[in-house]
Amino acid sequence: QYDMVAHGNITNIYILGIVALAILFIASFNYVNLS
């Protein structure tokens, strides 16, 4: 509290990592279906 510096959110980092894996899975799933 009463902080005067920049901060990030580590929870968002974990969420974005999961999103990246989900995007890869979707692209791979579409490729498997077409194949």
Full PDB file with SEQRES, HELIX, SHEET, SSBOND, CRYST1, ORIGX, SCALE, CONECT and MASTER records, all heavy atoms in Angstrom:
SEQRES   1 A   35  GLN TYR ASP MET VAL ALA HIS GLY ASN ILE THR ASN ILE          
SEQRES   2 A   35  TYR ILE LEU GLY ILE VAL ALA LEU ALA ILE LEU PHE ILE          
SEQRES   3 A   35  ALA SER PHE ASN TYR VAL ASN LEU SER                          
HELIX    1 AA1 ILE A   10  LEU A   34  1                                  25    
CRYST1    1.000    1.000    1.000  90.00  90.00  90.00 P 1           1          
ORIGX1      1.000000  0.000000  0.000000        0.00000                         
ORIGX2      0.000000  1.000000  0.000000        0.00000                         
ORIGX3      0.000000  0.000000  1.000000        0.00000                         
SCALE1      1.000000  0.000000  0.000000        0.00000                         
SCALE2      0.000000  1.000000  0.000000        0.00000                         
SCALE3      0.000000  0.000000  1.000000        0.00000                         
ATOM      1  N   GLN A   1       0.828  -1.209   0.000  1.00  0.00           N  
ATOM      2  CA  GLN A   1       0.000   0.000   0.000  1.00  0.00           C  
ATOM      3  C   GLN A   1       0.863   1.260   0.000  1.00  0.00           C  
ATOM      4  O   GLN A   1       2.028   1.223   0.365  1.00  0.00           O  
ATOM      5  CB  GLN A   1      -0.931  -0.009   1.212  1.00  0.00           C  
ATOM      6  CG  GLN A   1      -1.898  -1.186   1.204  1.00  0.00           C  
ATOM      7  CD  GLN A   1      -2.966  -1.054   2.267  1.00  0.00           C  
ATOM      8  OE1 GLN A   1      -3.331   0.064   2.678  1.00  0.00           O  
ATOM      9  NE2 GLN A   1      -3.489  -2.179   2.742  1.00  0.00           N  
ATOM     10  N   TYR A   2       0.246   2.341  -0.473  1.00  0.00           N  
ATOM     11  CA  TYR A   2       0.932   3.635  -0.580  1.00  0.00           C  
ATOM     12  C   TYR A   2       2.233   3.479  -1.374  1.00  0.00           C  
ATOM     13  O   TYR A   2       3.264   4.056  -1.032  1.00  0.00           O  
ATOM     14  CB  TYR A   2       1.233   4.218   0.807  1.00  0.00           C  
ATOM     15  CG  TYR A   2       0.012   4.324   1.685  1.00  0.00           C  
ATOM     16  CD1 TYR A   2      -0.203   3.436   2.722  1.00  0.00           C  
ATOM     17  CD2 TYR A   2      -0.940   5.317   1.445  1.00  0.00           C  
ATOM     18  CE1 TYR A   2      -1.326   3.518   3.512  1.00  0.00           C  
ATOM     19  CE2 TYR A   2      -2.074   5.406   2.239  1.00  0.00           C  
ATOM     20  CZ  TYR A   2      -2.261   4.508   3.272  1.00  0.00           C  
ATOM     21  OH  TYR A   2      -3.381   4.594   4.064  1.00  0.00           O  
ATOM     22  N   ASP A   3       2.148   2.689  -2.436  1.00  0.00           N  
ATOM     23  CA  ASP A   3       3.335   2.430  -3.249  1.00  0.00           C  
ATOM     24  C   ASP A   3       3.404   3.429  -4.388  1.00  0.00           C  
ATOM     25  O   ASP A   3       2.374   3.907  -4.875  1.00  0.00           O  
ATOM     26  CB  ASP A   3       3.297   0.999  -3.795  1.00  0.00           C  
ATOM     27  CG  ASP A   3       4.673   0.395  -3.913  1.00  0.00           C  
ATOM     28  OD1 ASP A   3       5.644   1.145  -3.706  1.00  0.00           O  
ATOM     29  OD2 ASP A   3       4.795  -0.798  -4.199  1.00  0.00           O  
ATOM     30  N   MET A   4       4.626   3.713  -4.856  1.00  0.00           N  
ATOM     31  CA  MET A   4       4.805   4.712  -5.905  1.00  0.00           C  
ATOM     32  C   MET A   4       5.658   4.167  -7.045  1.00  0.00           C  
ATOM     33  O   MET A   4       6.374   4.909  -7.707  1.00  0.00           O  
ATOM     34  CB  MET A   4       5.447   5.972  -5.321  1.00  0.00           C  
ATOM     35  CG  MET A   4       4.667   6.574  -4.162  1.00  0.00           C  
ATOM     36  SD  MET A   4       5.419   8.056  -3.465  1.00  0.00           S  
ATOM     37  CE  MET A   4       5.171   9.218  -4.790  1.00  0.00           C  
ATOM     38  N   VAL A   5       5.604   2.844  -7.247  1.00  0.00           N  
ATOM     39  CA  VAL A   5       6.386   2.225  -8.311  1.00  0.00           C  
ATOM     40  C   VAL A   5       5.457   1.394  -9.187  1.00  0.00           C  
ATOM     41  O   VAL A   5       4.317   1.105  -8.823  1.00  0.00           O  
ATOM     42  CB  VAL A   5       7.518   1.328  -7.742  1.00  0.00           C  
ATOM     43  CG1 VAL A   5       8.482   2.158  -6.917  1.00  0.00           C  
ATOM     44  CG2 VAL A   5       6.931   0.187  -6.905  1.00  0.00           C  
ATOM     45  N   ALA A   6       5.971   1.004 -10.358  1.00  0.00           N  
ATOM     46  CA  ALA A   6       5.171   0.213 -11.294  1.00  0.00           C  
ATOM     47  C   ALA A   6       5.068  -1.234 -10.823  1.00  0.00           C  
ATOM     48  O   ALA A   6       5.999  -1.779 -10.239  1.00  0.00           O  
ATOM     49  CB  ALA A   6       5.817   0.261 -12.686  1.00  0.00           C  
ATOM     50  N   HIS A   7       3.914  -1.846 -11.100  1.00  0.00           N  
ATOM     51  CA  HIS A   7       3.696  -3.232 -10.707  1.00  0.00           C  
ATOM     52  C   HIS A   7       3.092  -4.032 -11.859  1.00  0.00           C  
ATOM     53  O   HIS A   7       2.353  -3.502 -12.693  1.00  0.00           O  
ATOM     54  CB  HIS A   7       2.760  -3.324  -9.506  1.00  0.00           C  
ATOM     55  CG  HIS A   7       3.386  -2.912  -8.219  1.00  0.00           C  
ATOM     56  ND1 HIS A   7       4.397  -3.629  -7.623  1.00  0.00           N  
ATOM     57  CD2 HIS A   7       3.164  -1.840  -7.411  1.00  0.00           C  
ATOM     58  CE1 HIS A   7       4.760  -3.034  -6.506  1.00  0.00           C  
ATOM     59  NE2 HIS A   7       4.037  -1.938  -6.359  1.00  0.00           N  
ATOM     60  N   GLY A   8       3.413  -5.326 -11.874  1.00  0.00           N  
ATOM     61  CA  GLY A   8       2.784  -6.266 -12.783  1.00  0.00           C  
ATOM     62  C   GLY A   8       1.918  -7.223 -11.989  1.00  0.00           C  
ATOM     63  O   GLY A   8       1.820  -7.131 -10.766  1.00  0.00           O  
ATOM     64  N   ASN A   9       1.284  -8.165 -12.719  1.00  0.00           N  
ATOM     65  CA  ASN A   9       0.398  -9.130 -12.077  1.00  0.00           C  
ATOM     66  C   ASN A   9       0.837 -10.525 -12.470  1.00  0.00           C  
ATOM     67  O   ASN A   9       0.677 -10.934 -13.624  1.00  0.00           O  
ATOM     68  CB  ASN A   9      -1.054  -8.872 -12.493  1.00  0.00           C  
ATOM     69  CG  ASN A   9      -2.038  -9.667 -11.653  1.00  0.00           C  
ATOM     70  OD1 ASN A   9      -1.768 -10.798 -11.259  1.00  0.00           O  
ATOM     71  ND2 ASN A   9      -3.197  -9.086 -11.391  1.00  0.00           N  
ATOM     72  N   ILE A  10       1.400 -11.280 -11.534  1.00  0.00           N  
ATOM     73  CA  ILE A  10       1.916 -12.607 -11.850  1.00  0.00           C  
ATOM     74  C   ILE A  10       0.789 -13.550 -12.237  1.00  0.00           C  
ATOM     75  O   ILE A  10       0.994 -14.485 -13.042  1.00  0.00           O  
ATOM     76  CB  ILE A  10       2.715 -13.168 -10.644  1.00  0.00           C  
ATOM     77  CG1 ILE A  10       3.514 -14.398 -11.060  1.00  0.00           C  
ATOM     78  CG2 ILE A  10       1.796 -13.460  -9.494  1.00  0.00           C  
ATOM     79  CD1 ILE A  10       4.580 -14.137 -12.080  1.00  0.00           C  
ATOM     80  N   THR A  11      -0.432 -13.332 -11.715  1.00  0.00           N  
ATOM     81  CA  THR A  11      -1.569 -14.180 -12.093  1.00  0.00           C  
ATOM     82  C   THR A  11      -1.864 -14.052 -13.579  1.00  0.00           C  
ATOM     83  O   THR A  11      -2.170 -15.045 -14.256  1.00  0.00           O  
ATOM     84  CB  THR A  11      -2.820 -13.799 -11.267  1.00  0.00           C  
ATOM     85  OG1 THR A  11      -2.523 -13.928  -9.883  1.00  0.00           O  
ATOM     86  CG2 THR A  11      -3.994 -14.706 -11.610  1.00  0.00           C  
ATOM     87  N   ASN A  12      -1.766 -12.823 -14.093  1.00  0.00           N  
ATOM     88  CA  ASN A  12      -1.990 -12.619 -15.528  1.00  0.00           C  
ATOM     89  C   ASN A  12      -0.956 -13.359 -16.368  1.00  0.00           C  
ATOM     90  O   ASN A  12      -1.265 -13.834 -17.466  1.00  0.00           O  
ATOM     91  CB  ASN A  12      -1.948 -11.126 -15.859  1.00  0.00           C  
ATOM     92  CG  ASN A  12      -3.147 -10.377 -15.314  1.00  0.00           C  
ATOM     93  OD1 ASN A  12      -4.156 -10.987 -14.966  1.00  0.00           O  
ATOM     94  ND2 ASN A  12      -3.046  -9.067 -15.221  1.00  0.00           N  
ATOM     95  N   ILE A  13       0.265 -13.462 -15.860  1.00  0.00           N  
ATOM     96  CA  ILE A  13       1.310 -14.181 -16.583  1.00  0.00           C  
ATOM     97  C   ILE A  13       0.937 -15.652 -16.721  1.00  0.00           C  
ATOM     98  O   ILE A  13       1.060 -16.246 -17.793  1.00  0.00           O  
ATOM     99  CB  ILE A  13       2.667 -14.038 -15.862  1.00  0.00           C  
ATOM    100  CG1 ILE A  13       3.090 -12.567 -15.789  1.00  0.00           C  
ATOM    101  CG2 ILE A  13       3.736 -14.867 -16.561  1.00  0.00           C  
ATOM    102  CD1 ILE A  13       3.244 -11.904 -17.127  1.00  0.00           C  
ATOM    103  N   TYR A  14       0.460 -16.246 -15.624  1.00  0.00           N  
ATOM    104  CA  TYR A  14       0.045 -17.652 -15.673  1.00  0.00           C  
ATOM    105  C   TYR A  14      -1.130 -17.835 -16.640  1.00  0.00           C  
ATOM    106  O   TYR A  14      -1.174 -18.801 -17.407  1.00  0.00           O  
ATOM    107  CB  TYR A  14      -0.357 -18.132 -14.278  1.00  0.00           C  
ATOM    108  CG  TYR A  14       0.786 -18.171 -13.296  1.00  0.00           C  
ATOM    109  CD1 TYR A  14       0.634 -17.714 -11.989  1.00  0.00           C  
ATOM    110  CD2 TYR A  14       2.040 -18.655 -13.661  1.00  0.00           C  
ATOM    111  CE1 TYR A  14       1.681 -17.746 -11.081  1.00  0.00           C  
ATOM    112  CE2 TYR A  14       3.093 -18.685 -12.757  1.00  0.00           C  
ATOM    113  CZ  TYR A  14       2.906 -18.229 -11.475  1.00  0.00           C  
ATOM    114  OH  TYR A  14       3.957 -18.254 -10.593  1.00  0.00           O  
ATOM    115  N   ILE A  15      -2.082 -16.911 -16.588  1.00  0.00           N  
ATOM    116  CA  ILE A  15      -3.255 -17.003 -17.462  1.00  0.00           C  
ATOM    117  C   ILE A  15      -2.844 -16.906 -18.924  1.00  0.00           C  
ATOM    118  O   ILE A  15      -3.312 -17.680 -19.773  1.00  0.00           O  
ATOM    119  CB  ILE A  15      -4.273 -15.903 -17.108  1.00  0.00           C  
ATOM    120  CG1 ILE A  15      -4.873 -16.170 -15.725  1.00  0.00           C  
ATOM    121  CG2 ILE A  15      -5.378 -15.822 -18.161  1.00  0.00           C  
ATOM    122  CD1 ILE A  15      -5.772 -15.060 -15.220  1.00  0.00           C  
ATOM    123  N   LEU A  16      -1.951 -15.961 -19.232  1.00  0.00           N  
ATOM    124  CA  LEU A  16      -1.507 -15.799 -20.622  1.00  0.00           C  
ATOM    125  C   LEU A  16      -0.727 -17.010 -21.099  1.00  0.00           C  
ATOM    126  O   LEU A  16      -0.797 -17.383 -22.275  1.00  0.00           O  
ATOM    127  CB  LEU A  16      -0.660 -14.528 -20.749  1.00  0.00           C  
ATOM    128  CG  LEU A  16      -1.420 -13.208 -20.588  1.00  0.00           C  
ATOM    129  CD1 LEU A  16      -0.459 -12.039 -20.634  1.00  0.00           C  
ATOM    130  CD2 LEU A  16      -2.472 -13.065 -21.675  1.00  0.00           C  
ATOM    131  N   GLY A  17       0.037 -17.649 -20.201  1.00  0.00           N  
ATOM    132  CA  GLY A  17       0.732 -18.879 -20.571  1.00  0.00           C  
ATOM    133  C   GLY A  17      -0.243 -19.976 -20.941  1.00  0.00           C  
ATOM    134  O   GLY A  17      -0.039 -20.712 -21.926  1.00  0.00           O  
ATOM    135  N   ILE A  18      -1.329 -20.089 -20.167  1.00  0.00           N  
ATOM    136  CA  ILE A  18      -2.359 -21.082 -20.471  1.00  0.00           C  
ATOM    137  C   ILE A  18      -3.053 -20.752 -21.792  1.00  0.00           C  
ATOM    138  O   ILE A  18      -3.345 -21.636 -22.595  1.00  0.00           O  
ATOM    139  CB  ILE A  18      -3.375 -21.155 -19.315  1.00  0.00           C  
ATOM    140  CG1 ILE A  18      -2.690 -21.698 -18.055  1.00  0.00           C  
ATOM    141  CG2 ILE A  18      -4.570 -22.026 -19.688  1.00  0.00           C  
ATOM    142  CD1 ILE A  18      -3.557 -21.616 -16.810  1.00  0.00           C  
ATOM    143  N   VAL A  19      -3.301 -19.463 -22.012  1.00  0.00           N  
ATOM    144  CA  VAL A  19      -3.934 -19.032 -23.273  1.00  0.00           C  
ATOM    145  C   VAL A  19      -3.058 -19.412 -24.466  1.00  0.00           C  
ATOM    146  O   VAL A  19      -3.560 -19.879 -25.495  1.00  0.00           O  
ATOM    147  CB  VAL A  19      -4.192 -17.511 -23.251  1.00  0.00           C  
ATOM    148  CG1 VAL A  19      -4.564 -16.998 -24.645  1.00  0.00           C  
ATOM    149  CG2 VAL A  19      -5.294 -17.182 -22.252  1.00  0.00           C  
ATOM    150  N   ALA A  20      -1.745 -19.217 -24.345  1.00  0.00           N  
ATOM    151  CA  ALA A  20      -0.826 -19.557 -25.437  1.00  0.00           C  
ATOM    152  C   ALA A  20      -0.899 -21.051 -25.757  1.00  0.00           C  
ATOM    153  O   ALA A  20      -0.948 -21.447 -26.932  1.00  0.00           O  
ATOM    154  CB  ALA A  20       0.602 -19.166 -25.060  1.00  0.00           C  
ATOM    155  N   LEU A  21      -0.916 -21.883 -24.719  1.00  0.00           N  
ATOM    156  CA  LEU A  21      -1.017 -23.331 -24.938  1.00  0.00           C  
ATOM    157  C   LEU A  21      -2.365 -23.692 -25.557  1.00  0.00           C  
ATOM    158  O   LEU A  21      -2.447 -24.580 -26.426  1.00  0.00           O  
ATOM    159  CB  LEU A  21      -0.831 -24.073 -23.614  1.00  0.00           C  
ATOM    160  CG  LEU A  21       0.573 -24.019 -23.005  1.00  0.00           C  
ATOM    161  CD1 LEU A  21       0.589 -24.699 -21.636  1.00  0.00           C  
ATOM    162  CD2 LEU A  21       1.590 -24.684 -23.937  1.00  0.00           C  
ATOM    163  N   ALA A  22      -3.434 -22.997 -25.124  1.00  0.00           N  
ATOM    164  CA  ALA A  22      -4.762 -23.262 -25.683  1.00  0.00           C  
ATOM    165  C   ALA A  22      -4.817 -22.914 -27.168  1.00  0.00           C  
ATOM    166  O   ALA A  22      -5.421 -23.641 -27.977  1.00  0.00           O  
ATOM    167  CB  ALA A  22      -5.819 -22.472 -24.911  1.00  0.00           C  
ATOM    168  N   ILE A  23      -4.179 -21.805 -27.538  1.00  0.00           N  
ATOM    169  CA  ILE A  23      -4.153 -21.408 -28.958  1.00  0.00           C  
ATOM    170  C   ILE A  23      -3.430 -22.455 -29.788  1.00  0.00           C  
ATOM    171  O   ILE A  23      -3.879 -22.827 -30.884  1.00  0.00           O  
ATOM    172  CB  ILE A  23      -3.488 -20.026 -29.105  1.00  0.00           C  
ATOM    173  CG1 ILE A  23      -4.384 -18.941 -28.505  1.00  0.00           C  
ATOM    174  CG2 ILE A  23      -3.188 -19.718 -30.568  1.00  0.00           C  
ATOM    175  CD1 ILE A  23      -3.723 -17.581 -28.432  1.00  0.00           C  
ATOM    176  N   LEU A  24      -2.300 -22.941 -29.275  1.00  0.00           N  
ATOM    177  CA  LEU A  24      -1.564 -23.995 -29.986  1.00  0.00           C  
ATOM    178  C   LEU A  24      -2.406 -25.262 -30.118  1.00  0.00           C  
ATOM    179  O   LEU A  24      -2.404 -25.921 -31.156  1.00  0.00           O  
ATOM    180  CB  LEU A  24      -0.266 -24.319 -29.247  1.00  0.00           C  
ATOM    181  CG  LEU A  24       0.971 -23.504 -29.604  1.00  0.00           C  
ATOM    182  CD1 LEU A  24       2.174 -24.029 -28.849  1.00  0.00           C  
ATOM    183  CD2 LEU A  24       1.242 -23.539 -31.093  1.00  0.00           C  
ATOM    184  N   PHE A  25      -3.128 -25.600 -29.062  1.00  0.00           N  
ATOM    185  CA  PHE A  25      -3.963 -26.802 -29.096  1.00  0.00           C  
ATOM    186  C   PHE A  25      -5.068 -26.662 -30.137  1.00  0.00           C  
ATOM    187  O   PHE A  25      -5.351 -27.603 -30.891  1.00  0.00           O  
ATOM    188  CB  PHE A  25      -4.578 -27.047 -27.715  1.00  0.00           C  
ATOM    189  CG  PHE A  25      -5.543 -28.208 -27.690  1.00  0.00           C  
ATOM    190  CD1 PHE A  25      -5.073 -29.508 -27.649  1.00  0.00           C  
ATOM    191  CD2 PHE A  25      -6.917 -27.983 -27.721  1.00  0.00           C  
ATOM    192  CE1 PHE A  25      -5.951 -30.579 -27.641  1.00  0.00           C  
ATOM    193  CE2 PHE A  25      -7.806 -29.042 -27.704  1.00  0.00           C  
ATOM    194  CZ  PHE A  25      -7.318 -30.350 -27.665  1.00  0.00           C  
ATOM    195  N   ILE A  26      -5.707 -25.490 -30.196  1.00  0.00           N  
ATOM    196  CA  ILE A  26      -6.775 -25.265 -31.172  1.00  0.00           C  
ATOM    197  C   ILE A  26      -6.237 -25.370 -32.596  1.00  0.00           C  
ATOM    198  O   ILE A  26      -6.849 -25.997 -33.472  1.00  0.00           O  
ATOM    199  CB  ILE A  26      -7.441 -23.897 -30.939  1.00  0.00           C  
ATOM    200  CG1 ILE A  26      -8.196 -23.906 -29.599  1.00  0.00           C  
ATOM    201  CG2 ILE A  26      -8.381 -23.536 -32.080  1.00  0.00           C  
ATOM    202  CD1 ILE A  26      -8.695 -22.549 -29.167  1.00  0.00           C  
ATOM    203  N   ALA A  27      -5.077 -24.727 -32.840  1.00  0.00           N  
ATOM    204  CA  ALA A  27      -4.473 -24.808 -34.181  1.00  0.00           C  
ATOM    205  C   ALA A  27      -4.121 -26.254 -34.527  1.00  0.00           C  
ATOM    206  O   ALA A  27      -4.331 -26.706 -35.667  1.00  0.00           O  
ATOM    207  CB  ALA A  27      -3.232 -23.927 -34.238  1.00  0.00           C  
ATOM    208  N   SER A  28      -3.593 -26.999 -33.556  1.00  0.00           N  
ATOM    209  CA  SER A  28      -3.238 -28.394 -33.791  1.00  0.00           C  
ATOM    210  C   SER A  28      -4.479 -29.244 -34.019  1.00  0.00           C  
ATOM    211  O   SER A  28      -4.491 -30.134 -34.878  1.00  0.00           O  
ATOM    212  CB  SER A  28      -2.448 -28.948 -32.591  1.00  0.00           C  
ATOM    213  OG  SER A  28      -1.258 -28.216 -32.390  1.00  0.00           O  
ATOM    214  N   PHE A  29      -5.545 -28.971 -33.264  1.00  0.00           N  
ATOM    215  CA  PHE A  29      -6.792 -29.726 -33.404  1.00  0.00           C  
ATOM    216  C   PHE A  29      -7.390 -29.528 -34.799  1.00  0.00           C  
ATOM    217  O   PHE A  29      -7.859 -30.480 -35.434  1.00  0.00           O  
ATOM    218  CB  PHE A  29      -7.779 -29.273 -32.329  1.00  0.00           C  
ATOM    219  CG  PHE A  29      -9.073 -30.024 -32.322  1.00  0.00           C  
ATOM    220  CD1 PHE A  29      -9.136 -31.316 -31.822  1.00  0.00           C  
ATOM    221  CD2 PHE A  29     -10.229 -29.443 -32.822  1.00  0.00           C  
ATOM    222  CE1 PHE A  29     -10.330 -32.027 -31.820  1.00  0.00           C  
ATOM    223  CE2 PHE A  29     -11.421 -30.138 -32.831  1.00  0.00           C  
ATOM    224  CZ  PHE A  29     -11.482 -31.433 -32.324  1.00  0.00           C  
ATOM    225  N   ASN A  30      -7.359 -28.272 -35.274  1.00  0.00           N  
ATOM    226  CA  ASN A  30      -7.860 -28.006 -36.631  1.00  0.00           C  
ATOM    227  C   ASN A  30      -7.035 -28.739 -37.682  1.00  0.00           C  
ATOM    228  O   ASN A  30      -7.576 -29.267 -38.662  1.00  0.00           O  
ATOM    229  CB  ASN A  30      -7.853 -26.498 -36.901  1.00  0.00           C  
ATOM    230  CG  ASN A  30      -8.901 -25.759 -36.104  1.00  0.00           C  
ATOM    231  OD1 ASN A  30      -9.890 -26.341 -35.680  1.00  0.00           O  
ATOM    232  ND2 ASN A  30      -8.674 -24.474 -35.872  1.00  0.00           N  
ATOM    233  N   TYR A  31      -5.725 -28.767 -37.452  1.00  0.00           N  
ATOM    234  CA  TYR A  31      -4.843 -29.459 -38.404  1.00  0.00           C  
ATOM    235  C   TYR A  31      -5.142 -30.958 -38.422  1.00  0.00           C  
ATOM    236  O   TYR A  31      -5.183 -31.584 -39.480  1.00  0.00           O  
ATOM    237  CB  TYR A  31      -3.387 -29.221 -38.020  1.00  0.00           C  
ATOM    238  CG  TYR A  31      -2.396 -29.941 -38.912  1.00  0.00           C  
ATOM    239  CD1 TYR A  31      -2.069 -29.427 -40.160  1.00  0.00           C  
ATOM    240  CD2 TYR A  31      -1.807 -31.136 -38.512  1.00  0.00           C  
ATOM    241  CE1 TYR A  31      -1.174 -30.087 -40.987  1.00  0.00           C  
ATOM    242  CE2 TYR A  31      -0.911 -31.800 -39.327  1.00  0.00           C  
ATOM    243  CZ  TYR A  31      -0.593 -31.268 -40.563  1.00  0.00           C  
ATOM    244  OH  TYR A  31       0.285 -31.926 -41.386  1.00  0.00           O  
ATOM    245  N   VAL A  32      -5.331 -31.532 -37.243  1.00  0.00           N  
ATOM    246  CA  VAL A  32      -5.651 -32.964 -37.164  1.00  0.00           C  
ATOM    247  C   VAL A  32      -6.948 -33.256 -37.903  1.00  0.00           C  
ATOM    248  O   VAL A  32      -7.052 -34.231 -38.672  1.00  0.00           O  
ATOM    249  CB  VAL A  32      -5.743 -33.414 -35.693  1.00  0.00           C  
ATOM    250  CG1 VAL A  32      -6.314 -34.836 -35.597  1.00  0.00           C  
ATOM    251  CG2 VAL A  32      -4.374 -33.369 -35.036  1.00  0.00           C  
ATOM    252  N   ASN A  33      -7.974 -32.429 -37.711  1.00  0.00           N  
ATOM    253  CA  ASN A  33      -9.256 -32.641 -38.395  1.00  0.00           C  
ATOM    254  C   ASN A  33      -9.111 -32.595 -39.908  1.00  0.00           C  
ATOM    255  O   ASN A  33      -9.653 -33.438 -40.636  1.00  0.00           O  
ATOM    256  CB  ASN A  33     -10.270 -31.591 -37.932  1.00  0.00           C  
ATOM    257  CG  ASN A  33     -10.846 -31.900 -36.567  1.00  0.00           C  
ATOM    258  OD1 ASN A  33     -10.787 -33.042 -36.111  1.00  0.00           O  
ATOM    259  ND2 ASN A  33     -11.394 -30.897 -35.905  1.00  0.00           N  
ATOM    260  N   LEU A  34      -8.372 -31.587 -40.385  1.00  0.00           N  
ATOM    261  CA  LEU A  34      -8.168 -31.471 -41.829  1.00  0.00           C  
ATOM    262  C   LEU A  34      -7.342 -32.632 -42.371  1.00  0.00           C  
ATOM    263  O   LEU A  34      -7.598 -33.142 -43.473  1.00  0.00           O  
ATOM    264  CB  LEU A  34      -7.480 -30.135 -42.155  1.00  0.00           C  
ATOM    265  CG  LEU A  34      -8.375 -28.888 -42.098  1.00  0.00           C  
ATOM    266  CD1 LEU A  34      -7.523 -27.634 -42.240  1.00  0.00           C  
ATOM    267  CD2 LEU A  34      -9.431 -28.929 -43.193  1.00  0.00           C  
ATOM    268  N   SER A  35      -6.365 -33.064 -41.610  1.00  0.00           N  
ATOM    269  CA  SER A  35      -5.516 -34.174 -42.041  1.00  0.00           C  
ATOM    270  C   SER A  35      -6.304 -35.478 -42.134  1.00  0.00           C  
ATOM    271  O   SER A  35      -6.117 -36.273 -43.053  1.00  0.00           O  
ATOM    272  CB  SER A  35      -4.337 -34.351 -41.080  1.00  0.00           C  
ATOM    273  OG  SER A  35      -3.523 -33.209 -41.085  1.00  0.00           O  
TER     274      SER A  35                                                      
MASTER        0    0    0    1    0    0    0    6  273    1    0    3          
END                                                                             
